[in-house]
Amino acid sequence: MTLGDHADPGLAPELPELLIVVASTEDARALAPLGRPGVDAGDEPVRPVLVATGVDPLAVDEALDELEAPAGRLLLLDGPAHGWAEEAARLIVRLDALITGEPPAGVVVRGGSEAALAAARCAAGIGVPLLHLSVPPTDARTAATAAMIAELAAWQTSPDGGRPYPTELDLLVHRRLAPAPPRPRHASDPNVVRMPASRGPRNSLSA
């Protein structure tokens, strides 16, 4: 299920989209907060949209639904891919159509998946701001792919790339991904132990 299933067709688009490429269930768990309305959602310059893609986009879409962060786009591959090269080729076609067809305000990718690389190449190729969230690689292939994505993101804001660093988008992403502050505990909280008022003072060595 995607956000489009719940959208009112009579409403005009509110803000430019920030596409979040979600290429695995691990990505879904990490990036789901970006698809939920933030505290300052009304003041944000873009509308984050989760894109369920990768080798098994249906599993990604299902994971996002379970995390209460439904995908705004679902990119299905035309049948199973036999090997990473075929996977990459099919992802490039689908992601290129998505990103170049209606260029977003920015693209966010995570790690070193083939989907992340495909989206990064498309974004860099048409000058769409790219944000790369690094994660520890699982093997040599993902490490090499992540390094290529990092190079693309760095090139884009270099003198040769000519784009300013997307500070606003970076702040929005990291604000939404930041852990929630601890909830203040009140006297009614069952985890709060009320000590007798008559108890004497304690020093730092007492239990």
N, C-alpha and C. Protein backbone atom coordinates (compact mmCIF):
# COMPACT_ATOMS: atom_id res chain seq x y z
N MET A 1 0.84 -1.19 0.00
CA MET A 1 0.00 0.00 0.00
C MET A 1 0.88 1.24 0.00
N THR A 2 0.51 2.25 -0.78
CA THR A 2 1.29 3.46 -0.84
C THR A 2 0.46 4.65 -0.39
N LEU A 3 1.14 5.78 -0.18
CA LEU A 3 0.45 6.99 0.24
C LEU A 3 -0.59 7.42 -0.78
N GLY A 4 -0.35 7.12 -2.06
CA GLY A 4 -1.29 7.50 -3.10
C GLY A 4 -2.66 6.88 -2.89
N ASP A 5 -2.73 5.72 -2.21
CA ASP A 5 -4.01 5.08 -1.95
C ASP A 5 -4.87 5.90 -1.00
N HIS A 6 -4.23 6.75 -0.20
CA HIS A 6 -4.96 7.54 0.79
C HIS A 6 -5.12 8.99 0.37
N ALA A 7 -4.49 9.40 -0.73
CA ALA A 7 -4.45 10.81 -1.10
C ALA A 7 -5.78 11.27 -1.69
N ASP A 8 -6.12 12.52 -1.43
CA ASP A 8 -7.30 13.14 -2.03
C ASP A 8 -6.91 13.67 -3.41
N PRO A 9 -7.50 13.14 -4.50
CA PRO A 9 -7.09 13.56 -5.83
C PRO A 9 -7.38 15.03 -6.10
N GLY A 10 -8.25 15.65 -5.30
CA GLY A 10 -8.56 17.05 -5.52
C GLY A 10 -7.53 18.00 -4.93
N LEU A 11 -6.61 17.48 -4.15
CA LEU A 11 -5.62 18.34 -3.51
C LEU A 11 -4.42 18.53 -4.43
N ALA A 12 -3.94 19.76 -4.52
CA ALA A 12 -2.74 20.06 -5.31
C ALA A 12 -1.51 19.67 -4.51
N PRO A 13 -0.42 19.33 -5.18
CA PRO A 13 0.82 19.02 -4.47
C PRO A 13 1.23 20.18 -3.58
N GLU A 14 1.58 19.86 -2.33
CA GLU A 14 1.87 20.91 -1.37
C GLU A 14 3.31 21.40 -1.49
N LEU A 15 4.24 20.46 -1.54
CA LEU A 15 5.66 20.81 -1.50
C LEU A 15 6.43 19.97 -2.51
N PRO A 16 7.63 20.43 -2.90
CA PRO A 16 8.49 19.56 -3.73
C PRO A 16 8.82 18.29 -2.96
N GLU A 17 9.02 17.20 -3.70
CA GLU A 17 9.28 15.91 -3.05
C GLU A 17 10.77 15.70 -2.81
N LEU A 18 11.06 15.08 -1.68
CA LEU A 18 12.39 14.57 -1.37
C LEU A 18 12.28 13.05 -1.42
N LEU A 19 12.87 12.43 -2.46
CA LEU A 19 12.74 10.98 -2.64
C LEU A 19 13.73 10.24 -1.76
N ILE A 20 13.23 9.29 -0.98
CA ILE A 20 14.04 8.46 -0.08
C ILE A 20 14.07 7.06 -0.66
N VAL A 21 15.22 6.62 -1.12
CA VAL A 21 15.33 5.31 -1.76
C VAL A 21 15.47 4.23 -0.69
N VAL A 22 14.47 3.34 -0.62
CA VAL A 22 14.44 2.26 0.38
C VAL A 22 14.60 0.95 -0.36
N ALA A 23 15.79 0.36 -0.27
CA ALA A 23 16.13 -0.77 -1.13
C ALA A 23 16.11 -2.13 -0.44
N SER A 24 15.79 -2.17 0.84
CA SER A 24 15.79 -3.44 1.58
C SER A 24 14.98 -3.25 2.85
N THR A 25 14.68 -4.37 3.50
CA THR A 25 13.95 -4.26 4.77
C THR A 25 14.82 -3.59 5.83
N GLU A 26 16.15 -3.75 5.73
CA GLU A 26 17.04 -3.03 6.65
C GLU A 26 16.94 -1.52 6.43
N ASP A 27 16.91 -1.12 5.16
CA ASP A 27 16.69 0.29 4.84
C ASP A 27 15.35 0.76 5.41
N ALA A 28 14.33 -0.09 5.29
CA ALA A 28 13.00 0.30 5.77
C ALA A 28 13.03 0.61 7.26
N ARG A 29 13.70 -0.25 8.03
CA ARG A 29 13.76 -0.01 9.48
C ARG A 29 14.54 1.27 9.79
N ALA A 30 15.59 1.53 9.02
CA ALA A 30 16.42 2.71 9.29
C ALA A 30 15.78 4.00 8.81
N LEU A 31 15.06 3.94 7.68
CA LEU A 31 14.58 5.16 7.04
C LEU A 31 13.10 5.45 7.27
N ALA A 32 12.39 4.55 7.94
CA ALA A 32 10.96 4.76 8.18
C ALA A 32 10.65 6.11 8.84
N PRO A 33 11.47 6.59 9.80
CA PRO A 33 11.14 7.89 10.40
C PRO A 33 11.05 9.03 9.40
N LEU A 34 11.73 8.90 8.26
CA LEU A 34 11.66 9.96 7.25
C LEU A 34 10.30 10.02 6.58
N GLY A 35 9.55 8.92 6.62
CA GLY A 35 8.25 8.89 5.97
C GLY A 35 7.11 9.26 6.89
N ARG A 36 7.41 9.50 8.17
CA ARG A 36 6.36 9.91 9.11
C ARG A 36 6.40 11.42 9.28
N PRO A 37 5.25 12.05 9.48
CA PRO A 37 5.26 13.51 9.66
C PRO A 37 6.12 13.91 10.84
N GLY A 38 6.97 14.90 10.64
CA GLY A 38 7.81 15.39 11.73
C GLY A 38 7.07 16.42 12.55
N VAL A 39 7.65 16.77 13.68
CA VAL A 39 7.05 17.77 14.56
C VAL A 39 6.91 19.09 13.83
N ASP A 40 7.91 19.42 13.02
CA ASP A 40 7.91 20.69 12.29
C ASP A 40 7.54 20.49 10.82
N ALA A 41 6.69 19.50 10.54
CA ALA A 41 6.38 19.16 9.14
C ALA A 41 5.84 20.36 8.37
N GLY A 42 5.06 21.20 9.02
CA GLY A 42 4.49 22.34 8.33
C GLY A 42 5.51 23.37 7.90
N ASP A 43 6.66 23.37 8.56
CA ASP A 43 7.70 24.36 8.26
C ASP A 43 8.80 23.80 7.37
N GLU A 44 8.70 22.52 6.98
CA GLU A 44 9.77 21.91 6.21
C GLU A 44 9.66 22.29 4.73
N PRO A 45 10.80 22.45 4.05
CA PRO A 45 10.77 22.95 2.66
C PRO A 45 10.37 21.90 1.63
N VAL A 46 10.35 20.62 2.02
CA VAL A 46 10.04 19.54 1.08
C VAL A 46 9.14 18.51 1.75
N ARG A 47 8.61 17.60 0.94
CA ARG A 47 7.80 16.50 1.46
C ARG A 47 8.54 15.19 1.22
N PRO A 48 9.08 14.57 2.28
CA PRO A 48 9.78 13.29 2.10
C PRO A 48 8.83 12.21 1.59
N VAL A 49 9.29 11.46 0.59
CA VAL A 49 8.50 10.37 -0.01
C VAL A 49 9.38 9.12 -0.06
N LEU A 50 8.92 8.06 0.58
CA LEU A 50 9.66 6.80 0.58
C LEU A 50 9.41 6.05 -0.72
N VAL A 51 10.49 5.55 -1.33
CA VAL A 51 10.41 4.80 -2.58
C VAL A 51 10.81 3.36 -2.30
N ALA A 52 9.85 2.44 -2.34
CA ALA A 52 10.12 1.02 -2.11
C ALA A 52 10.68 0.42 -3.39
N THR A 53 11.91 -0.06 -3.33
CA THR A 53 12.57 -0.57 -4.53
C THR A 53 13.53 -1.68 -4.11
N GLY A 54 14.53 -1.96 -4.94
CA GLY A 54 15.49 -3.02 -4.63
C GLY A 54 15.10 -4.34 -5.25
N VAL A 55 15.75 -5.41 -4.79
CA VAL A 55 15.52 -6.75 -5.35
C VAL A 55 14.10 -7.23 -5.05
N ASP A 56 13.59 -6.90 -3.85
CA ASP A 56 12.26 -7.37 -3.44
C ASP A 56 11.44 -6.17 -2.95
N PRO A 57 10.97 -5.33 -3.87
CA PRO A 57 10.26 -4.13 -3.45
C PRO A 57 8.97 -4.40 -2.70
N LEU A 58 8.32 -5.54 -2.96
CA LEU A 58 7.08 -5.85 -2.24
C LEU A 58 7.36 -6.10 -0.76
N ALA A 59 8.48 -6.77 -0.47
CA ALA A 59 8.85 -6.99 0.93
C ALA A 59 9.19 -5.67 1.61
N VAL A 60 9.84 -4.78 0.87
CA VAL A 60 10.16 -3.45 1.41
C VAL A 60 8.87 -2.68 1.69
N ASP A 61 7.94 -2.72 0.74
CA ASP A 61 6.66 -2.04 0.91
C ASP A 61 5.91 -2.57 2.13
N GLU A 62 5.91 -3.89 2.29
CA GLU A 62 5.23 -4.51 3.44
C GLU A 62 5.90 -4.09 4.75
N ALA A 63 7.23 -4.06 4.75
CA ALA A 63 7.94 -3.65 5.97
C ALA A 63 7.62 -2.20 6.34
N LEU A 64 7.53 -1.34 5.34
CA LEU A 64 7.20 0.07 5.61
C LEU A 64 5.79 0.19 6.15
N ASP A 65 4.85 -0.59 5.62
CA ASP A 65 3.49 -0.57 6.15
C ASP A 65 3.48 -0.97 7.62
N GLU A 66 4.24 -2.02 7.95
CA GLU A 66 4.28 -2.48 9.34
C GLU A 66 4.90 -1.43 10.26
N LEU A 67 5.76 -0.61 9.70
CA LEU A 67 6.41 0.45 10.48
C LEU A 67 5.61 1.75 10.46
N GLU A 68 4.41 1.69 9.90
CA GLU A 68 3.51 2.85 9.83
C GLU A 68 4.16 4.02 9.09
N ALA A 69 4.88 3.68 8.04
CA ALA A 69 5.50 4.69 7.17
C ALA A 69 5.31 4.23 5.72
N PRO A 70 4.09 4.29 5.20
CA PRO A 70 3.81 3.74 3.86
C PRO A 70 4.62 4.40 2.77
N ALA A 71 4.98 3.60 1.78
CA ALA A 71 5.75 4.10 0.65
C ALA A 71 4.89 5.02 -0.20
N GLY A 72 5.55 6.03 -0.76
CA GLY A 72 4.86 6.91 -1.69
C GLY A 72 5.01 6.45 -3.14
N ARG A 73 6.02 5.60 -3.39
CA ARG A 73 6.26 5.02 -4.70
C ARG A 73 6.66 3.56 -4.51
N LEU A 74 6.21 2.71 -5.42
CA LEU A 74 6.59 1.29 -5.42
C LEU A 74 7.12 0.96 -6.80
N LEU A 75 8.42 0.65 -6.89
CA LEU A 75 9.05 0.37 -8.18
C LEU A 75 9.26 -1.14 -8.33
N LEU A 76 8.43 -1.76 -9.16
CA LEU A 76 8.52 -3.20 -9.38
C LEU A 76 9.48 -3.49 -10.53
N LEU A 77 10.30 -4.52 -10.36
CA LEU A 77 11.16 -4.98 -11.45
C LEU A 77 10.36 -5.93 -12.35
N ASP A 78 10.75 -6.03 -13.59
CA ASP A 78 10.06 -6.91 -14.54
C ASP A 78 10.57 -8.33 -14.39
N GLY A 79 10.10 -9.01 -13.36
CA GLY A 79 10.54 -10.37 -13.12
C GLY A 79 11.82 -10.41 -12.31
N PRO A 80 12.23 -11.61 -11.88
CA PRO A 80 13.44 -11.75 -11.06
C PRO A 80 14.70 -11.42 -11.85
N ALA A 81 15.65 -10.79 -11.18
CA ALA A 81 16.93 -10.47 -11.81
C ALA A 81 17.91 -11.60 -11.55
N HIS A 82 18.63 -12.00 -12.59
CA HIS A 82 19.61 -13.08 -12.46
C HIS A 82 21.01 -12.47 -12.33
N GLY A 83 21.38 -12.19 -11.09
CA GLY A 83 22.69 -11.60 -10.83
C GLY A 83 22.62 -10.09 -10.62
N TRP A 84 23.68 -9.56 -10.04
CA TRP A 84 23.67 -8.14 -9.67
C TRP A 84 23.69 -7.22 -10.89
N ALA A 85 24.31 -7.66 -12.00
CA ALA A 85 24.38 -6.80 -13.18
C ALA A 85 23.00 -6.57 -13.77
N GLU A 86 22.20 -7.65 -13.88
CA GLU A 86 20.85 -7.50 -14.40
C GLU A 86 19.99 -6.69 -13.43
N GLU A 87 20.19 -6.92 -12.14
CA GLU A 87 19.48 -6.13 -11.13
C GLU A 87 19.78 -4.64 -11.29
N ALA A 88 21.06 -4.33 -11.44
CA ALA A 88 21.47 -2.93 -11.57
C ALA A 88 20.87 -2.30 -12.82
N ALA A 89 20.89 -3.04 -13.93
CA ALA A 89 20.37 -2.49 -15.18
C ALA A 89 18.88 -2.18 -15.08
N ARG A 90 18.12 -3.09 -14.47
CA ARG A 90 16.69 -2.86 -14.34
C ARG A 90 16.39 -1.71 -13.38
N LEU A 91 17.17 -1.62 -12.31
CA LEU A 91 16.96 -0.53 -11.35
C LEU A 91 17.26 0.83 -11.97
N ILE A 92 18.31 0.87 -12.79
CA ILE A 92 18.66 2.15 -13.44
C ILE A 92 17.50 2.62 -14.31
N VAL A 93 16.88 1.71 -15.06
CA VAL A 93 15.77 2.09 -15.93
C VAL A 93 14.61 2.65 -15.11
N ARG A 94 14.23 1.94 -14.03
CA ARG A 94 13.07 2.36 -13.24
C ARG A 94 13.35 3.65 -12.47
N LEU A 95 14.53 3.74 -11.86
CA LEU A 95 14.85 4.93 -11.06
C LEU A 95 15.11 6.14 -11.94
N ASP A 96 15.71 5.92 -13.10
CA ASP A 96 15.94 7.04 -14.01
C ASP A 96 14.61 7.62 -14.47
N ALA A 97 13.65 6.75 -14.78
CA ALA A 97 12.33 7.24 -15.20
C ALA A 97 11.66 8.04 -14.08
N LEU A 98 11.81 7.57 -12.84
CA LEU A 98 11.20 8.25 -11.71
C LEU A 98 11.84 9.61 -11.46
N ILE A 99 13.17 9.65 -11.45
CA ILE A 99 13.88 10.87 -11.05
C ILE A 99 13.91 11.91 -12.16
N THR A 100 14.12 11.46 -13.41
CA THR A 100 14.20 12.43 -14.50
C THR A 100 12.82 12.83 -15.02
N GLY A 101 11.83 11.95 -14.84
CA GLY A 101 10.49 12.27 -15.33
C GLY A 101 9.91 13.48 -14.64
N GLU A 102 10.10 13.57 -13.34
CA GLU A 102 9.62 14.71 -12.55
C GLU A 102 10.67 14.97 -11.47
N PRO A 103 11.71 15.72 -11.79
CA PRO A 103 12.84 15.87 -10.87
C PRO A 103 12.41 16.34 -9.48
N PRO A 104 12.84 15.62 -8.45
CA PRO A 104 12.49 15.99 -7.08
C PRO A 104 13.40 17.09 -6.54
N ALA A 105 13.11 17.54 -5.33
CA ALA A 105 13.96 18.53 -4.67
C ALA A 105 15.28 17.92 -4.23
N GLY A 106 15.30 16.60 -4.06
CA GLY A 106 16.52 15.92 -3.65
C GLY A 106 16.29 14.43 -3.60
N VAL A 107 17.39 13.68 -3.50
CA VAL A 107 17.34 12.21 -3.41
C VAL A 107 18.22 11.79 -2.24
N VAL A 108 17.68 10.91 -1.40
CA VAL A 108 18.43 10.36 -0.27
C VAL A 108 18.63 8.87 -0.50
N VAL A 109 19.87 8.42 -0.38
CA VAL A 109 20.18 6.99 -0.51
C VAL A 109 20.97 6.55 0.72
N ARG A 110 20.93 5.25 0.99
CA ARG A 110 21.59 4.70 2.18
C ARG A 110 22.46 3.52 1.79
N GLY A 111 23.69 3.49 2.30
CA GLY A 111 24.54 2.33 2.13
C GLY A 111 25.08 2.16 0.72
N GLY A 112 25.28 0.89 0.34
CA GLY A 112 25.91 0.59 -0.94
C GLY A 112 25.14 -0.41 -1.77
N SER A 113 23.81 -0.26 -1.82
CA SER A 113 23.01 -1.17 -2.64
C SER A 113 23.06 -0.73 -4.11
N GLU A 114 22.68 -1.65 -5.00
CA GLU A 114 22.62 -1.30 -6.42
C GLU A 114 21.55 -0.24 -6.67
N ALA A 115 20.46 -0.27 -5.91
CA ALA A 115 19.42 0.75 -6.06
C ALA A 115 19.94 2.11 -5.64
N ALA A 116 20.72 2.14 -4.56
CA ALA A 116 21.29 3.41 -4.10
C ALA A 116 22.22 4.00 -5.15
N LEU A 117 23.04 3.15 -5.77
CA LEU A 117 23.96 3.64 -6.80
C LEU A 117 23.20 4.12 -8.03
N ALA A 118 22.19 3.36 -8.44
CA ALA A 118 21.41 3.75 -9.61
C ALA A 118 20.74 5.11 -9.38
N ALA A 119 20.15 5.30 -8.20
CA ALA A 119 19.49 6.57 -7.90
C ALA A 119 20.50 7.70 -7.81
N ALA A 120 21.66 7.42 -7.22
CA ALA A 120 22.70 8.46 -7.08
C ALA A 120 23.20 8.91 -8.45
N ARG A 121 23.41 7.96 -9.37
CA ARG A 121 23.87 8.33 -10.71
C ARG A 121 22.83 9.17 -11.44
N CYS A 122 21.56 8.80 -11.30
CA CYS A 122 20.50 9.57 -11.96
C CYS A 122 20.43 10.98 -11.39
N ALA A 123 20.49 11.10 -10.07
CA ALA A 123 20.40 12.41 -9.43
C ALA A 123 21.58 13.29 -9.84
N ALA A 124 22.78 12.73 -9.76
CA ALA A 124 23.97 13.51 -10.12
C ALA A 124 23.94 13.91 -11.60
N GLY A 125 23.41 13.04 -12.44
CA GLY A 125 23.39 13.29 -13.87
C GLY A 125 22.51 14.47 -14.28
N ILE A 126 21.45 14.73 -13.51
CA ILE A 126 20.56 15.84 -13.87
C ILE A 126 20.62 16.99 -12.86
N GLY A 127 21.59 16.91 -11.94
CA GLY A 127 21.79 18.01 -11.01
C GLY A 127 20.82 18.08 -9.85
N VAL A 128 20.21 16.95 -9.48
CA VAL A 128 19.33 16.92 -8.31
C VAL A 128 20.19 16.69 -7.07
N PRO A 129 20.02 17.48 -6.00
CA PRO A 129 20.82 17.30 -4.78
C PRO A 129 20.75 15.87 -4.26
N LEU A 130 21.91 15.35 -3.89
CA LEU A 130 22.04 13.96 -3.44
C LEU A 130 22.59 13.93 -2.02
N LEU A 131 21.92 13.16 -1.16
CA LEU A 131 22.41 12.91 0.19
C LEU A 131 22.67 11.42 0.35
N HIS A 132 23.87 11.07 0.83
CA HIS A 132 24.23 9.67 1.01
C HIS A 132 24.43 9.40 2.50
N LEU A 133 23.64 8.47 3.04
CA LEU A 133 23.77 8.05 4.44
C LEU A 133 24.63 6.79 4.47
N SER A 134 25.79 6.90 5.05
CA SER A 134 26.72 5.76 5.05
C SER A 134 26.38 4.78 6.17
N VAL A 135 26.63 3.51 5.90
CA VAL A 135 26.47 2.44 6.89
C VAL A 135 27.65 1.48 6.72
N PRO A 136 28.00 0.72 7.75
CA PRO A 136 29.09 -0.25 7.60
C PRO A 136 28.78 -1.26 6.49
N PRO A 137 29.68 -1.48 5.55
CA PRO A 137 29.41 -2.41 4.44
C PRO A 137 29.38 -3.85 4.93
N THR A 138 28.59 -4.67 4.22
CA THR A 138 28.48 -6.08 4.59
C THR A 138 29.47 -6.95 3.82
N ASP A 139 29.99 -6.45 2.70
CA ASP A 139 30.96 -7.21 1.92
C ASP A 139 31.71 -6.25 1.00
N ALA A 140 32.64 -6.80 0.21
CA ALA A 140 33.48 -5.96 -0.64
C ALA A 140 32.66 -5.24 -1.71
N ARG A 141 31.64 -5.90 -2.26
CA ARG A 141 30.84 -5.27 -3.31
C ARG A 141 30.08 -4.05 -2.78
N THR A 142 29.43 -4.20 -1.62
CA THR A 142 28.69 -3.05 -1.08
C THR A 142 29.65 -1.95 -0.63
N ALA A 143 30.84 -2.32 -0.17
CA ALA A 143 31.83 -1.31 0.21
C ALA A 143 32.25 -0.50 -1.01
N ALA A 144 32.51 -1.19 -2.13
CA ALA A 144 32.91 -0.50 -3.36
C ALA A 144 31.79 0.37 -3.90
N THR A 145 30.56 -0.15 -3.84
CA THR A 145 29.41 0.61 -4.33
C THR A 145 29.18 1.85 -3.48
N ALA A 146 29.28 1.70 -2.16
CA ALA A 146 29.11 2.85 -1.26
C ALA A 146 30.18 3.90 -1.51
N ALA A 147 31.40 3.46 -1.81
CA ALA A 147 32.47 4.42 -2.10
C ALA A 147 32.17 5.21 -3.37
N MET A 148 31.60 4.55 -4.37
CA MET A 148 31.24 5.25 -5.61
C MET A 148 30.14 6.28 -5.35
N ILE A 149 29.17 5.91 -4.51
CA ILE A 149 28.08 6.85 -4.20
C ILE A 149 28.63 8.05 -3.44
N ALA A 150 29.52 7.80 -2.49
CA ALA A 150 30.12 8.91 -1.73
C ALA A 150 30.90 9.84 -2.65
N GLU A 151 31.57 9.26 -3.64
CA GLU A 151 32.30 10.09 -4.61
C GLU A 151 31.35 10.96 -5.43
N LEU A 152 30.23 10.38 -5.84
CA LEU A 152 29.25 11.15 -6.61
C LEU A 152 28.70 12.32 -5.78
N ALA A 153 28.38 12.04 -4.51
CA ALA A 153 27.85 13.09 -3.65
C ALA A 153 28.89 14.19 -3.42
N ALA A 154 30.16 13.78 -3.23
CA ALA A 154 31.23 14.76 -3.02
C ALA A 154 31.49 15.57 -4.29
N TRP A 155 31.47 14.90 -5.44
CA TRP A 155 31.70 15.60 -6.71
C TRP A 155 30.63 16.66 -6.95
N GLN A 156 29.39 16.32 -6.60
CA GLN A 156 28.28 17.23 -6.89
C GLN A 156 28.47 18.60 -6.24
N THR A 157 29.06 18.64 -5.04
CA THR A 157 29.23 19.92 -4.35
C THR A 157 30.66 20.46 -4.48
N SER A 158 31.44 19.85 -5.37
CA SER A 158 32.79 20.36 -5.64
C SER A 158 32.72 21.47 -6.68
N PRO A 159 33.81 22.20 -6.92
CA PRO A 159 33.79 23.22 -7.97
C PRO A 159 33.39 22.66 -9.33
N ASP A 160 33.79 21.42 -9.64
CA ASP A 160 33.41 20.82 -10.92
C ASP A 160 31.91 20.53 -10.96
N GLY A 161 31.35 20.04 -9.84
CA GLY A 161 29.92 19.74 -9.81
C GLY A 161 29.07 21.00 -9.80
N GLY A 162 29.54 22.00 -9.08
CA GLY A 162 28.90 23.31 -9.13
C GLY A 162 27.64 23.49 -8.31
N ARG A 163 27.30 22.51 -7.46
CA ARG A 163 26.09 22.66 -6.66
C ARG A 163 26.46 22.97 -5.22
N PRO A 164 25.68 23.83 -4.56
CA PRO A 164 25.91 24.07 -3.13
C PRO A 164 25.51 22.85 -2.32
N TYR A 165 26.09 22.69 -1.15
CA TYR A 165 25.71 21.56 -0.30
C TYR A 165 24.26 21.74 0.14
N PRO A 166 23.44 20.69 0.06
CA PRO A 166 22.01 20.82 0.41
C PRO A 166 21.80 20.83 1.92
N THR A 167 22.19 21.91 2.55
CA THR A 167 22.17 21.99 4.02
C THR A 167 20.77 21.80 4.58
N GLU A 168 19.77 22.44 3.97
CA GLU A 168 18.40 22.33 4.49
C GLU A 168 17.92 20.89 4.47
N LEU A 169 18.19 20.20 3.37
CA LEU A 169 17.77 18.80 3.27
C LEU A 169 18.51 17.93 4.27
N ASP A 170 19.80 18.19 4.43
CA ASP A 170 20.62 17.43 5.37
C ASP A 170 20.08 17.58 6.79
N LEU A 171 19.75 18.81 7.18
CA LEU A 171 19.23 19.06 8.52
C LEU A 171 17.89 18.37 8.72
N LEU A 172 17.03 18.42 7.71
CA LEU A 172 15.72 17.78 7.82
C LEU A 172 15.89 16.27 8.03
N VAL A 173 16.74 15.65 7.21
CA VAL A 173 16.94 14.20 7.30
C VAL A 173 17.48 13.80 8.67
N HIS A 174 18.51 14.48 9.12
CA HIS A 174 19.12 14.10 10.39
C HIS A 174 18.23 14.46 11.59
N ARG A 175 17.40 15.48 11.45
CA ARG A 175 16.46 15.81 12.53
C ARG A 175 15.42 14.71 12.68
N ARG A 176 14.92 14.22 11.54
CA ARG A 176 13.91 13.16 11.62
C ARG A 176 14.49 11.82 12.06
N LEU A 177 15.75 11.58 11.72
CA LEU A 177 16.37 10.31 12.08
C LEU A 177 16.95 10.32 13.49
N ALA A 178 17.03 11.48 14.12
CA ALA A 178 17.60 11.56 15.47
C ALA A 178 16.71 10.81 16.44
N PRO A 179 17.30 10.09 17.41
CA PRO A 179 16.48 9.39 18.41
C PRO A 179 15.60 10.37 19.16
N ALA A 180 14.40 9.91 19.50
CA ALA A 180 13.48 10.76 20.26
C ALA A 180 14.05 11.03 21.65
N PRO A 181 13.87 12.24 22.17
CA PRO A 181 14.37 12.54 23.52
C PRO A 181 13.66 11.68 24.55
N PRO A 182 14.32 11.35 25.66
CA PRO A 182 13.69 10.52 26.69
C PRO A 182 12.44 11.20 27.24
N ARG A 183 11.41 10.39 27.48
CA ARG A 183 10.15 10.91 27.99
C ARG A 183 10.31 11.26 29.47
N PRO A 184 9.91 12.46 29.89
CA PRO A 184 10.04 12.80 31.31
C PRO A 184 9.14 11.91 32.15
N ARG A 185 9.63 11.50 33.29
CA ARG A 185 8.86 10.62 34.16
C ARG A 185 8.13 11.44 35.20
N HIS A 186 6.87 11.06 35.44
CA HIS A 186 6.04 11.75 36.41
C HIS A 186 5.77 10.81 37.59
N ALA A 187 5.18 11.36 38.62
CA ALA A 187 4.92 10.57 39.82
C ALA A 187 3.99 9.40 39.52
N SER A 188 3.11 9.54 38.51
CA SER A 188 2.17 8.47 38.19
C SER A 188 2.81 7.34 37.38
N ASP A 189 4.03 7.55 36.91
CA ASP A 189 4.74 6.55 36.12
C ASP A 189 5.07 5.36 37.01
N PRO A 190 4.66 4.12 36.61
CA PRO A 190 4.94 2.94 37.46
C PRO A 190 6.43 2.67 37.63
N ASN A 191 7.27 3.24 36.76
CA ASN A 191 8.71 3.02 36.88
C ASN A 191 9.38 4.01 37.84
N VAL A 192 8.60 4.94 38.34
CA VAL A 192 9.15 5.91 39.30
C VAL A 192 8.88 5.40 40.70
N VAL A 193 9.92 5.25 41.50
CA VAL A 193 9.80 4.79 42.88
C VAL A 193 9.81 6.00 43.79
N ARG A 194 8.75 6.16 44.57
CA ARG A 194 8.68 7.27 45.50
C ARG A 194 9.31 6.86 46.83
N MET A 195 10.33 7.57 47.24
CA MET A 195 11.05 7.24 48.47
C MET A 195 10.36 7.91 49.66
N PRO A 196 10.37 7.25 50.82
CA PRO A 196 9.75 7.86 52.01
C PRO A 196 10.37 9.22 52.31
N ALA A 197 9.52 10.17 52.69
CA ALA A 197 10.01 11.50 53.00
C ALA A 197 10.90 11.51 54.23
N SER A 198 10.73 10.49 55.11
CA SER A 198 11.50 10.47 56.35
C SER A 198 12.88 9.86 56.17
N ARG A 199 13.19 9.37 54.96
CA ARG A 199 14.48 8.72 54.75
C ARG A 199 15.60 9.74 54.88
N GLY A 200 16.64 9.37 55.55
CA GLY A 200 17.76 10.27 55.80
C GLY A 200 18.57 10.53 54.55
N PRO A 201 19.50 11.48 54.61
CA PRO A 201 20.34 11.81 53.44
C PRO A 201 21.25 10.65 53.09
N ARG A 202 21.60 10.56 51.79
CA ARG A 202 22.51 9.53 51.32
C ARG A 202 23.74 10.19 50.74
N ASN A 203 24.86 9.50 50.91
CA ASN A 203 26.04 10.00 50.22
C ASN A 203 26.25 9.18 48.96
N SER A 204 27.25 9.51 48.16
CA SER A 204 27.43 8.88 46.85
C SER A 204 27.84 7.43 46.96
N LEU A 205 28.21 6.93 48.15
CA LEU A 205 28.64 5.55 48.30
C LEU A 205 27.53 4.64 48.81
N SER A 206 26.42 5.22 49.23
CA SER A 206 25.35 4.41 49.79
C SER A 206 24.50 3.81 48.68
N ALA A 207 23.83 2.70 48.96
CA ALA A 207 23.01 2.03 47.96
C ALA A 207 21.61 2.64 47.90
